């Protein structure tokens, strides 16, 4: 499952995710599009927000 699918399934906007991650919406957009590298720490935060296991996102 990818981040976009998981986010939209929960009805979360990019703005909501960016706020929860303490980054700008444009920075979050770049994360979703793969334009910036995703750190392990940020990946952990995303999985907590989306209530997913890391392995689910990495599949």
PDB file of N, CA and C in Angstrom:
ATOM      1  N   UNK A   1       0.855  -1.181   0.000  1.00  0.00           N
ATOM      2  CA  UNK A   1       0.000   0.000   0.000  1.00  0.00           C
ATOM      3  C   UNK A   1       0.893   1.233   0.000  1.00  0.00           C
ATOM      4  N   UNK A   2       0.529   2.220  -0.793  1.00  0.00           N
ATOM      5  CA  UNK A   2       1.347   3.432  -0.779  1.00  0.00           C
ATOM      6  C   UNK A   2       0.737   4.488   0.142  1.00  0.00           C
ATOM      7  N   UNK A   3       1.507   5.507   0.420  1.00  0.00           N
ATOM      8  CA  UNK A   3       1.094   6.545   1.371  1.00  0.00           C
ATOM      9  C   UNK A   3      -0.139   7.278   0.882  1.00  0.00           C
ATOM     10  N   UNK A   4      -0.204   7.576  -0.402  1.00  0.00           N
ATOM     11  CA  UNK A   4      -1.349   8.317  -0.948  1.00  0.00           C
ATOM     12  C   UNK A   4      -2.629   7.513  -0.740  1.00  0.00           C
ATOM     13  N   UNK A   5      -2.607   6.245  -1.060  1.00  0.00           N
ATOM     14  CA  UNK A   5      -3.778   5.396  -0.904  1.00  0.00           C
ATOM     15  C   UNK A   5      -4.198   5.310   0.562  1.00  0.00           C
ATOM     16  N   UNK A   6      -3.250   5.086   1.439  1.00  0.00           N
ATOM     17  CA  UNK A   6      -3.548   4.997   2.868  1.00  0.00           C
ATOM     18  C   UNK A   6      -4.117   6.318   3.388  1.00  0.00           C
ATOM     19  N   UNK A   7      -3.551   7.416   2.931  1.00  0.00           N
ATOM     20  CA  UNK A   7      -4.024   8.743   3.379  1.00  0.00           C
ATOM     21  C   UNK A   7      -5.444   9.002   2.904  1.00  0.00           C
ATOM     22  N   UNK A   8      -5.710   8.744   1.632  1.00  0.00           N
ATOM     23  CA  UNK A   8      -7.034   9.029   1.086  1.00  0.00           C
ATOM     24  C   UNK A   8      -8.102   8.086   1.639  1.00  0.00           C
ATOM     25  N   UNK A   9      -7.726   6.852   1.951  1.00  0.00           N
ATOM     26  CA  UNK A   9      -8.676   5.909   2.560  1.00  0.00           C
ATOM     27  C   UNK A   9      -9.183   6.434   3.902  1.00  0.00           C
ATOM     28  N   UNK A  10      -8.332   7.174   4.593  1.00  0.00           N
ATOM     29  CA  UNK A  10      -8.709   7.726   5.893  1.00  0.00           C
ATOM     30  C   UNK A  10      -9.319   9.123   5.784  1.00  0.00           C
ATOM     31  N   UNK A  11      -9.357   9.641   4.581  1.00  0.00           N
ATOM     32  CA  UNK A  11      -9.952  10.963   4.378  1.00  0.00           C
ATOM     33  C   UNK A  11      -9.054  12.108   4.807  1.00  0.00           C
ATOM     34  N   UNK A  12      -7.757  11.850   4.910  1.00  0.00           N
ATOM     35  CA  UNK A  12      -6.813  12.881   5.319  1.00  0.00           C
ATOM     36  C   UNK A  12      -6.320  13.655   4.102  1.00  0.00           C
ATOM     37  N   UNK A  13      -6.191  14.942   4.257  1.00  0.00           N
ATOM     38  CA  UNK A  13      -5.650  15.779   3.191  1.00  0.00           C
ATOM     39  C   UNK A  13      -4.130  15.854   3.322  1.00  0.00           C
ATOM     40  N   UNK A  14      -3.497  16.334   2.264  1.00  0.00           N
ATOM     41  CA  UNK A  14      -2.055  16.561   2.330  1.00  0.00           C
ATOM     42  C   UNK A  14      -1.744  17.613   3.393  1.00  0.00           C
ATOM     43  N   UNK A  15      -2.603  18.604   3.516  1.00  0.00           N
ATOM     44  CA  UNK A  15      -2.398  19.655   4.507  1.00  0.00           C
ATOM     45  C   UNK A  15      -2.420  19.074   5.920  1.00  0.00           C
ATOM     46  N   UNK A  16      -3.365  18.156   6.173  1.00  0.00           N
ATOM     47  CA  UNK A  16      -3.464  17.518   7.480  1.00  0.00           C
ATOM     48  C   UNK A  16      -2.180  16.737   7.789  1.00  0.00           C
ATOM     49  N   UNK A  17      -1.729  15.950   6.827  1.00  0.00           N
ATOM     50  CA  UNK A  17      -0.525  15.152   7.030  1.00  0.00           C
ATOM     51  C   UNK A  17       0.684  16.050   7.259  1.00  0.00           C
ATOM     52  N   UNK A  18       0.797  17.098   6.464  1.00  0.00           N
ATOM     53  CA  UNK A  18       1.916  18.031   6.612  1.00  0.00           C
ATOM     54  C   UNK A  18       1.917  18.653   8.002  1.00  0.00           C
ATOM     55  N   UNK A  19       0.748  19.044   8.472  1.00  0.00           N
ATOM     56  CA  UNK A  19       0.642  19.639   9.804  1.00  0.00           C
ATOM     57  C   UNK A  19       1.081  18.643  10.875  1.00  0.00           C
ATOM     58  N   UNK A  20       0.634  17.415  10.774  1.00  0.00           N
ATOM     59  CA  UNK A  20       0.993  16.387  11.757  1.00  0.00           C
ATOM     60  C   UNK A  20       2.489  16.082  11.738  1.00  0.00           C
ATOM     61  N   UNK A  21       3.109  16.236  10.577  1.00  0.00           N
ATOM     62  CA  UNK A  21       4.546  15.973  10.431  1.00  0.00           C
ATOM     63  C   UNK A  21       5.394  17.225  10.662  1.00  0.00           C
ATOM     64  N   UNK A  22       4.736  18.347  10.909  1.00  0.00           N
ATOM     65  CA  UNK A  22       5.418  19.631  11.131  1.00  0.00           C
ATOM     66  C   UNK A  22       6.265  20.046   9.937  1.00  0.00           C
ATOM     67  N   UNK A  23       5.688  19.862   8.746  1.00  0.00           N
ATOM     68  CA  UNK A  23       6.345  20.307   7.512  1.00  0.00           C
ATOM     69  C   UNK A  23       5.317  21.056   6.675  1.00  0.00           C
ATOM     70  N   UNK A  24       5.764  21.721   5.644  1.00  0.00           N
ATOM     71  CA  UNK A  24       4.857  22.420   4.751  1.00  0.00           C
ATOM     72  C   UNK A  24       4.133  21.449   3.821  1.00  0.00           C
ATOM     73  N   UNK A  25       3.015  21.894   3.274  1.00  0.00           N
ATOM     74  CA  UNK A  25       2.237  21.040   2.364  1.00  0.00           C
ATOM     75  C   UNK A  25       3.037  20.698   1.121  1.00  0.00           C
ATOM     76  N   UNK A  26       3.804  21.653   0.617  1.00  0.00           N
ATOM     77  CA  UNK A  26       4.604  21.392  -0.579  1.00  0.00           C
ATOM     78  C   UNK A  26       5.671  20.337  -0.289  1.00  0.00           C
ATOM     79  N   UNK A  27       6.276  20.398   0.877  1.00  0.00           N
ATOM     80  CA  UNK A  27       7.274  19.394   1.271  1.00  0.00           C
ATOM     81  C   UNK A  27       6.616  18.026   1.386  1.00  0.00           C
ATOM     82  N   UNK A  28       5.408  17.997   1.915  1.00  0.00           N
ATOM     83  CA  UNK A  28       4.699  16.718   2.020  1.00  0.00           C
ATOM     84  C   UNK A  28       4.368  16.182   0.629  1.00  0.00           C
ATOM     85  N   UNK A  29       3.922  17.049  -0.255  1.00  0.00           N
ATOM     86  CA  UNK A  29       3.607  16.647  -1.635  1.00  0.00           C
ATOM     87  C   UNK A  29       4.837  16.001  -2.274  1.00  0.00           C
ATOM     88  N   UNK A  30       6.006  16.617  -2.073  1.00  0.00           N
ATOM     89  CA  UNK A  30       7.250  16.077  -2.630  1.00  0.00           C
ATOM     90  C   UNK A  30       7.555  14.698  -2.048  1.00  0.00           C
ATOM     91  N   UNK A  31       7.243  14.500  -0.772  1.00  0.00           N
ATOM     92  CA  UNK A  31       7.429  13.190  -0.150  1.00  0.00           C
ATOM     93  C   UNK A  31       6.561  12.130  -0.826  1.00  0.00           C
ATOM     94  N   UNK A  32       5.288  12.463  -1.009  1.00  0.00           N
ATOM     95  CA  UNK A  32       4.363  11.516  -1.639  1.00  0.00           C
ATOM     96  C   UNK A  32       4.771  11.192  -3.069  1.00  0.00           C
ATOM     97  N   UNK A  33       5.283  12.161  -3.775  1.00  0.00           N
ATOM     98  CA  UNK A  33       5.670  11.958  -5.171  1.00  0.00           C
ATOM     99  C   UNK A  33       7.041  11.314  -5.322  1.00  0.00           C
ATOM    100  N   UNK A  34       7.771  11.174  -4.210  1.00  0.00           N
ATOM    101  CA  UNK A  34       9.084  10.554  -4.267  1.00  0.00           C
ATOM    102  C   UNK A  34      10.185  11.494  -4.706  1.00  0.00           C
ATOM    103  N   UNK A  35       9.916  12.798  -4.643  1.00  0.00           N
ATOM    104  CA  UNK A  35      10.923  13.782  -5.039  1.00  0.00           C
ATOM    105  C   UNK A  35      11.945  14.039  -3.935  1.00  0.00           C
ATOM    106  N   UNK A  36      11.598  13.666  -2.709  1.00  0.00           N
ATOM    107  CA  UNK A  36      12.537  13.777  -1.595  1.00  0.00           C
ATOM    108  C   UNK A  36      12.601  12.431  -0.886  1.00  0.00           C
ATOM    109  N   UNK A  37      13.738  12.163  -0.293  1.00  0.00           N
ATOM    110  CA  UNK A  37      13.912  10.893   0.410  1.00  0.00           C
ATOM    111  C   UNK A  37      13.161  10.931   1.732  1.00  0.00           C
ATOM    112  N   UNK A  38      12.637   9.782   2.076  1.00  0.00           N
ATOM    113  CA  UNK A  38      11.867   9.626   3.305  1.00  0.00           C
ATOM    114  C   UNK A  38      12.772   9.023   4.375  1.00  0.00           C
ATOM    115  N   UNK A  39      12.983   9.769   5.453  1.00  0.00           N
ATOM    116  CA  UNK A  39      13.819   9.253   6.537  1.00  0.00           C
ATOM    117  C   UNK A  39      13.036   8.191   7.314  1.00  0.00           C
ATOM    118  N   UNK A  40      13.762   7.351   8.003  1.00  0.00           N
ATOM    119  CA  UNK A  40      13.128   6.309   8.808  1.00  0.00           C
ATOM    120  C   UNK A  40      12.255   6.941   9.883  1.00  0.00           C
ATOM    121  N   UNK A  41      12.742   8.000  10.489  1.00  0.00           N
ATOM    122  CA  UNK A  41      11.979   8.684  11.543  1.00  0.00           C
ATOM    123  C   UNK A  41      10.665   9.235  10.998  1.00  0.00           C
ATOM    124  N   UNK A  42      10.713   9.847   9.826  1.00  0.00           N
ATOM    125  CA  UNK A  42       9.491  10.390   9.225  1.00  0.00           C
ATOM    126  C   UNK A  42       8.557   9.257   8.807  1.00  0.00           C
ATOM    127  N   UNK A  43       9.113   8.172   8.313  1.00  0.00           N
ATOM    128  CA  UNK A  43       8.305   7.009   7.961  1.00  0.00           C
ATOM    129  C   UNK A  43       7.565   6.482   9.185  1.00  0.00           C
ATOM    130  N   UNK A  44       8.245   6.431  10.323  1.00  0.00           N
ATOM    131  CA  UNK A  44       7.608   5.993  11.566  1.00  0.00           C
ATOM    132  C   UNK A  44       6.439   6.907  11.927  1.00  0.00           C
ATOM    133  N   UNK A  45       6.649   8.215  11.795  1.00  0.00           N
ATOM    134  CA  UNK A  45       5.583   9.167  12.115  1.00  0.00           C
ATOM    135  C   UNK A  45       4.387   8.981  11.188  1.00  0.00           C
ATOM    136  N   UNK A  46       4.655   8.774   9.919  1.00  0.00           N
ATOM    137  CA  UNK A  46       3.570   8.572   8.949  1.00  0.00           C
ATOM    138  C   UNK A  46       2.774   7.324   9.289  1.00  0.00           C
ATOM    139  N   UNK A  47       3.461   6.251   9.642  1.00  0.00           N
ATOM    140  CA  UNK A  47       2.742   5.018   9.978  1.00  0.00           C
ATOM    141  C   UNK A  47       1.904   5.186  11.241  1.00  0.00           C
ATOM    142  N   UNK A  48       2.381   5.986  12.177  1.00  0.00           N
ATOM    143  CA  UNK A  48       1.583   6.252  13.373  1.00  0.00           C
ATOM    144  C   UNK A  48       0.331   7.051  13.029  1.00  0.00           C
ATOM    145  N   UNK A  49       0.481   8.075  12.209  1.00  0.00           N
ATOM    146  CA  UNK A  49      -0.658   8.901  11.812  1.00  0.00           C
ATOM    147  C   UNK A  49      -1.688   8.078  11.049  1.00  0.00           C
ATOM    148  N   UNK A  50      -1.208   7.220  10.154  1.00  0.00           N
ATOM    149  CA  UNK A  50      -2.099   6.424   9.308  1.00  0.00           C
ATOM    150  C   UNK A  50      -2.500   5.098   9.957  1.00  0.00           C
ATOM    151  N   UNK A  51      -1.980   4.827  11.155  1.00  0.00           N
ATOM    152  CA  UNK A  51      -2.279   3.604  11.894  1.00  0.00           C
ATOM    153  C   UNK A  51      -1.977   2.359  11.056  1.00  0.00           C
ATOM    154  N   UNK A  52      -0.741   2.306  10.536  1.00  0.00           N
ATOM    155  CA  UNK A  52      -0.284   1.193   9.707  1.00  0.00           C
ATOM    156  C   UNK A  52       1.035   0.651  10.241  1.00  0.00           C
ATOM    157  N   UNK A  53       1.349  -0.573   9.876  1.00  0.00           N
ATOM    158  CA  UNK A  53       2.673  -1.130  10.130  1.00  0.00           C
ATOM    159  C   UNK A  53       3.601  -0.637   9.029  1.00  0.00           C
ATOM    160  N   UNK A  54       4.858  -0.438   9.371  1.00  0.00           N
ATOM    161  CA  UNK A  54       5.844  -0.017   8.380  1.00  0.00           C
ATOM    162  C   UNK A  54       5.894  -1.028   7.231  1.00  0.00           C
ATOM    163  N   UNK A  55       5.820  -2.295   7.562  1.00  0.00           N
ATOM    164  CA  UNK A  55       5.901  -3.326   6.524  1.00  0.00           C
ATOM    165  C   UNK A  55       4.752  -3.204   5.513  1.00  0.00           C
ATOM    166  N   UNK A  56       3.602  -2.744   5.952  1.00  0.00           N
ATOM    167  CA  UNK A  56       2.461  -2.557   5.043  1.00  0.00           C
ATOM    168  C   UNK A  56       2.782  -1.496   4.002  1.00  0.00           C
ATOM    169  N   UNK A  57       3.420  -0.418   4.411  1.00  0.00           N
ATOM    170  CA  UNK A  57       3.761   0.639   3.465  1.00  0.00           C
ATOM    171  C   UNK A  57       4.902   0.244   2.553  1.00  0.00           C
ATOM    172  N   UNK A  58       5.779  -0.621   3.025  1.00  0.00           N
ATOM    173  CA  UNK A  58       6.947  -0.998   2.226  1.00  0.00           C
ATOM    174  C   UNK A  58       6.651  -2.088   1.204  1.00  0.00           C
ATOM    175  N   UNK A  59       5.490  -2.700   1.282  1.00  0.00           N
ATOM    176  CA  UNK A  59       5.138  -3.758   0.332  1.00  0.00           C
ATOM    177  C   UNK A  59       4.944  -3.216  -1.058  1.00  0.00           C
TER     178      UNK A  59
END
